[in-house]
């Protein structure tokens, strides 16, 4: 069941749209979200709309780079009111290079944890001594999960590279999919991709294995998901809805993120 919950996300969805919008289109806000957090944000939007039935939210799952391109190309009439990215990289880039396209500063909305995951190999104690081919998000793209994985591996990463044992993916969801669906022995991904905690107890797919790495001990790159408001032309109602949604997202009410095993920055 857990694997099916993540299937749409894990297979590397490039773009999709989910909408809780039921009222007038003039009150709808549109949120671009990194695919690695899409399922969690869809659940959070459902909670938000349930608590605020006069507001409407459409969610578009798209890679950070594609979202950035759309924002830059669209300007004030672009497609998004809010970008929720897998790190500070793209929000900070927009703020620095395209300041007129953003409203306010980038802000954190969730934290994830690096894990090693397998469906066939007991990696509960970490990476095996006898390395097999494994997946990880491509660190060359500054993917935070990939960078954290390289730090956790240390010198073993260079050895694995030399032996052609690294299978590099676009993101943490792709790395998970390599293991879950494509037969890779194990892979580095985010805890959010393999864990649910709806009852405040971490749950994993029966029969799977995982090893959770410790920030500050095993790796130093904090995996912080960040958002930024986009300076899109909005109605007064849309601006009110956007403010309410961001306030909900960064508050203790964002329990849907915790249900996907993210940590809330507000709880740190």
Protein backbone atom coordinates (compact mmCIF):
# COMPACT_ATOMS: atom_id res chain seq x y z
CA UNK A 1 0.00 0.00 0.00
CA UNK A 2 2.73 2.46 0.93
CA UNK A 3 4.56 1.80 -2.34
CA UNK A 4 1.40 2.56 -4.31
CA UNK A 5 0.96 5.83 -2.42
CA UNK A 6 4.29 7.00 -3.75
CA UNK A 7 4.12 5.40 -7.19
CA UNK A 8 3.01 8.45 -9.16
CA UNK A 9 5.70 10.59 -7.58
CA UNK A 10 8.48 8.01 -7.68
CA UNK A 11 8.31 7.25 -11.39
CA UNK A 12 9.55 10.76 -12.05
CA UNK A 13 6.48 12.78 -12.98
CA UNK A 14 7.73 15.74 -15.01
CA UNK A 15 4.57 17.76 -14.65
CA UNK A 16 1.00 17.26 -13.51
CA UNK A 17 -1.84 19.38 -12.20
CA UNK A 18 -4.03 18.78 -9.18
CA UNK A 19 -6.74 21.20 -8.19
CA UNK A 20 -8.86 21.68 -5.12
CA UNK A 21 -10.48 24.63 -6.87
CA UNK A 22 -14.27 24.49 -6.67
CA UNK A 23 -15.28 28.15 -6.59
CA UNK A 24 -14.69 30.98 -9.03
CA UNK A 25 -11.46 30.87 -11.03
CA UNK A 26 -10.74 34.45 -9.97
CA UNK A 27 -10.01 33.25 -6.43
CA UNK A 28 -7.69 30.38 -7.44
CA UNK A 29 -3.97 30.46 -6.72
CA UNK A 30 -1.53 28.18 -8.53
CA UNK A 31 1.41 26.52 -6.79
CA UNK A 32 4.38 24.94 -8.58
CA UNK A 33 5.92 22.17 -6.48
CA UNK A 34 8.98 19.99 -6.87
CA UNK A 35 7.92 16.40 -7.72
CA UNK A 36 9.70 15.03 -4.64
CA UNK A 37 7.21 16.88 -2.39
CA UNK A 38 4.16 16.79 -4.66
CA UNK A 39 2.19 14.10 -2.84
CA UNK A 40 2.72 15.81 0.50
CA UNK A 41 1.70 19.21 -0.86
CA UNK A 42 -1.43 17.75 -2.47
CA UNK A 43 -2.43 16.37 0.93
CA UNK A 44 -1.60 19.69 2.59
CA UNK A 45 -3.70 21.60 0.04
CA UNK A 46 -6.64 19.31 0.77
CA UNK A 47 -6.30 20.11 4.49
CA UNK A 48 -5.99 23.83 3.75
CA UNK A 49 -9.06 23.96 1.50
CA UNK A 50 -11.04 21.90 3.99
CA UNK A 51 -10.18 24.46 6.68
CA UNK A 52 -10.65 27.41 4.30
CA UNK A 53 -13.43 26.47 1.85
CA UNK A 54 -13.55 29.95 0.29
CA UNK A 55 -10.00 29.56 -1.08
CA UNK A 56 -8.95 27.52 -4.10
CA UNK A 57 -5.51 26.05 -4.83
CA UNK A 58 -4.21 24.38 -7.99
CA UNK A 59 -0.98 22.37 -7.67
CA UNK A 60 1.35 21.84 -10.60
CA UNK A 61 4.12 19.29 -10.14
CA UNK A 62 7.18 20.31 -12.12
CA UNK A 63 10.94 20.18 -11.70
CA UNK A 64 12.49 23.28 -10.17
CA UNK A 65 14.29 24.10 -13.41
CA UNK A 66 11.13 23.87 -15.51
CA UNK A 67 9.21 25.96 -12.98
CA UNK A 68 11.93 28.59 -13.04
CA UNK A 69 11.86 28.72 -16.84
CA UNK A 70 8.09 29.20 -16.81
CA UNK A 71 8.32 31.94 -14.19
CA UNK A 72 11.03 33.84 -16.06
CA UNK A 73 9.23 33.49 -19.39
CA UNK A 74 5.84 34.47 -17.96
CA UNK A 75 6.78 37.55 -15.95
CA UNK A 76 3.85 39.27 -14.22
CA UNK A 77 1.37 37.17 -16.17
CA UNK A 78 3.19 33.88 -15.58
CA UNK A 79 1.51 30.67 -14.49
CA UNK A 80 2.42 30.50 -10.78
CA UNK A 81 1.70 32.38 -7.59
CA UNK A 82 4.08 30.33 -5.45
CA UNK A 83 7.10 28.10 -6.04
CA UNK A 84 7.83 25.27 -3.62
CA UNK A 85 11.27 23.88 -4.46
CA UNK A 86 13.45 21.03 -3.21
CA UNK A 87 16.09 23.47 -1.92
CA UNK A 88 16.92 27.16 -1.68
CA UNK A 89 18.79 27.02 -5.00
CA UNK A 90 16.10 28.09 -7.48
CA UNK A 91 14.19 30.43 -5.13
CA UNK A 92 17.45 32.20 -4.25
CA UNK A 93 18.43 32.35 -7.93
CA UNK A 94 15.14 34.01 -8.77
CA UNK A 95 15.52 36.45 -5.88
CA UNK A 96 19.06 37.41 -6.88
CA UNK A 97 18.87 37.46 -10.68
CA UNK A 98 15.18 38.24 -11.21
CA UNK A 99 14.14 40.31 -8.17
CA UNK A 100 11.12 41.82 -9.90
CA UNK A 101 9.67 38.34 -10.41
CA UNK A 102 9.48 37.43 -6.72
CA UNK A 103 7.63 38.87 -3.77
CA UNK A 104 9.52 38.73 -0.48
CA UNK A 105 12.36 36.42 0.49
CA UNK A 106 12.66 32.65 0.07
CA UNK A 107 11.51 30.75 3.14
CA UNK A 108 11.83 27.16 4.43
CA UNK A 109 8.73 25.00 4.63
CA UNK A 110 10.04 21.48 5.30
CA UNK A 111 13.15 19.45 6.06
CA UNK A 112 13.91 15.96 4.81
CA UNK A 113 16.35 13.27 5.90
CA UNK A 114 18.78 11.26 3.76
CA UNK A 115 18.12 7.52 3.74
CA UNK A 116 19.46 4.44 1.99
CA UNK A 117 16.65 2.20 0.72
CA UNK A 118 16.37 -1.32 -0.63
CA UNK A 119 13.74 -3.93 -1.34
CA UNK A 120 16.19 -6.84 -1.62
CA UNK A 121 19.34 -6.14 0.41
CA UNK A 122 19.55 -5.64 4.16
CA UNK A 123 21.19 -2.22 4.28
CA UNK A 124 19.86 -1.36 7.73
CA UNK A 125 23.44 -0.80 8.92
CA UNK A 126 24.34 1.38 5.96
CA UNK A 127 26.12 0.85 2.66
CA UNK A 128 27.48 -2.73 2.35
CA UNK A 129 31.21 -3.37 2.20
CA UNK A 130 30.76 -5.26 -1.06
CA UNK A 131 29.29 -2.49 -3.19
CA UNK A 132 26.69 -3.17 -5.84
CA UNK A 133 25.35 -0.66 -8.34
CA UNK A 134 23.27 1.92 -6.49
CA UNK A 135 21.22 4.98 -7.33
CA UNK A 136 21.48 8.54 -6.06
CA UNK A 137 20.27 11.94 -7.26
CA UNK A 138 22.93 13.52 -9.46
CA UNK A 139 25.17 15.61 -7.17
CA UNK A 140 26.54 17.48 -10.19
CA UNK A 141 23.20 19.33 -10.41
CA UNK A 142 23.53 20.42 -6.74
CA UNK A 143 20.59 18.21 -5.84
CA UNK A 144 20.61 18.36 -2.02
CA UNK A 145 19.94 14.64 -1.62
CA UNK A 146 22.74 13.79 -4.04
CA UNK A 147 25.20 16.12 -2.33
CA UNK A 148 24.26 14.67 1.06
CA UNK A 149 24.72 11.13 -0.29
CA UNK A 150 28.24 11.95 -1.53
CA UNK A 151 29.07 13.33 1.92
CA UNK A 152 27.68 10.22 3.62
CA UNK A 153 29.68 7.94 1.32
CA UNK A 154 32.95 9.79 1.72
CA UNK A 155 35.86 8.15 -0.17
CA UNK A 156 33.57 5.27 -1.20
CA UNK A 157 31.86 7.59 -3.65
CA UNK A 158 35.04 8.04 -5.69
CA UNK A 159 35.61 4.28 -5.63
CA UNK A 160 32.03 3.64 -6.77
CA UNK A 161 32.43 6.21 -9.54
CA UNK A 162 35.60 4.52 -10.73
CA UNK A 163 33.83 1.16 -10.79
CA UNK A 164 30.81 2.57 -12.67
CA UNK A 165 28.51 1.61 -9.80
CA UNK A 166 26.64 4.92 -9.53
CA UNK A 167 23.26 5.29 -11.24
CA UNK A 168 22.46 9.00 -11.22
CA UNK A 169 18.86 10.15 -11.33
CA UNK A 170 17.09 13.48 -11.69
CA UNK A 171 15.91 13.62 -8.08
CA UNK A 172 15.16 11.65 -4.92
CA UNK A 173 11.95 10.28 -6.42
CA UNK A 174 13.86 8.92 -9.39
CA UNK A 175 16.41 7.27 -7.12
CA UNK A 176 13.61 5.63 -5.16
CA UNK A 177 12.03 4.41 -8.40
CA UNK A 178 15.32 2.82 -9.52
CA UNK A 179 15.13 0.58 -6.46
CA UNK A 180 11.39 0.07 -6.17
CA UNK A 181 10.63 -0.62 -9.84
CA UNK A 182 13.83 -1.03 -11.84
CA UNK A 183 15.74 -3.61 -9.83
CA UNK A 184 18.65 -1.54 -8.50
CA UNK A 185 20.03 -3.13 -5.32
CA UNK A 186 19.73 0.00 -3.19
CA UNK A 187 19.67 3.74 -3.50
CA UNK A 188 19.88 7.05 -1.68
CA UNK A 189 16.65 8.99 -1.38
CA UNK A 190 14.66 11.08 1.06
CA UNK A 191 12.85 9.69 4.07
CA UNK A 192 9.73 11.36 2.69
CA UNK A 193 9.82 8.99 -0.30
CA UNK A 194 9.65 5.75 1.72
CA UNK A 195 7.95 6.66 4.98
CA UNK A 196 4.52 7.66 6.25
CA UNK A 197 3.64 8.74 9.78
CA UNK A 198 -0.10 9.43 9.76
CA UNK A 199 -0.36 8.04 13.31
CA UNK A 200 2.87 9.77 14.39
CA UNK A 201 4.72 6.47 14.04
CA UNK A 202 7.11 5.96 11.11
CA UNK A 203 5.88 3.22 8.79
CA UNK A 204 7.72 1.62 5.87
CA UNK A 205 6.81 -0.82 3.13
CA UNK A 206 6.74 -4.34 4.64
CA UNK A 207 9.79 -6.32 3.60
CA UNK A 208 11.84 -3.28 2.64
CA UNK A 209 15.06 -2.11 4.28
CA UNK A 210 16.30 1.36 5.10
CA UNK A 211 19.11 3.16 6.86
CA UNK A 212 18.58 6.69 8.12
CA UNK A 213 21.60 9.00 8.08
CA UNK A 214 22.14 11.67 10.73
CA UNK A 215 22.62 15.30 9.77
CA UNK A 216 25.81 16.70 11.28
CA UNK A 217 27.19 13.21 11.86
CA UNK A 218 26.94 11.45 8.49
CA UNK A 219 26.36 14.44 6.20
CA UNK A 220 26.42 18.21 6.52
CA UNK A 221 24.10 19.47 3.76
CA UNK A 222 20.77 20.16 5.44
CA UNK A 223 17.97 19.12 3.08
CA UNK A 224 15.69 22.13 3.39
CA UNK A 225 12.78 22.61 1.01
CA UNK A 226 12.16 26.28 0.29
CA UNK A 227 9.44 28.40 -1.23
CA UNK A 228 9.09 31.88 -2.64
CA UNK A 229 6.09 33.96 -3.63
CA UNK A 230 6.00 34.95 -7.28
CA UNK A 231 5.18 38.55 -8.23
CA UNK A 232 2.33 37.56 -10.50
CA UNK A 233 -0.55 39.93 -11.19
CA UNK A 234 -3.26 38.89 -8.70
CA UNK A 235 -6.67 40.03 -7.58
CA UNK A 236 -7.19 41.13 -3.98
CA UNK A 237 -8.91 37.81 -3.28
CA UNK A 238 -6.02 35.85 -4.77
CA UNK A 239 -3.50 37.80 -2.70
CA UNK A 240 -5.51 37.05 0.43
CA UNK A 241 -5.67 33.36 -0.49
CA UNK A 242 -1.94 33.22 -1.16
CA UNK A 243 -1.09 34.83 2.18
CA UNK A 244 -3.41 32.44 3.99
CA UNK A 245 -1.91 29.42 2.23
CA UNK A 246 1.70 30.40 2.98
CA UNK A 247 0.80 31.06 6.62
CA UNK A 248 -0.80 27.59 6.78
CA UNK A 249 2.20 25.98 5.06
CA UNK A 250 4.74 27.31 7.55
CA UNK A 251 2.61 26.76 10.65
CA UNK A 252 2.13 23.82 12.97
CA UNK A 253 -1.06 23.10 11.00
CA UNK A 254 1.03 21.63 8.17
CA UNK A 255 0.65 18.13 9.62
CA UNK A 256 0.34 16.63 6.14
CA UNK A 257 4.07 17.25 5.72
CA UNK A 258 4.78 15.38 8.94
CA UNK A 259 2.56 12.53 7.72
CA UNK A 260 5.06 12.16 4.86
CA UNK A 261 7.92 12.14 7.39
CA UNK A 262 9.13 15.66 6.71
CA UNK A 263 10.14 17.84 9.63
CA UNK A 264 8.60 21.27 10.00
CA UNK A 265 11.09 24.14 10.27
CA UNK A 266 8.71 25.75 12.78
CA UNK A 267 9.19 22.74 15.05
CA UNK A 268 12.99 22.83 14.96
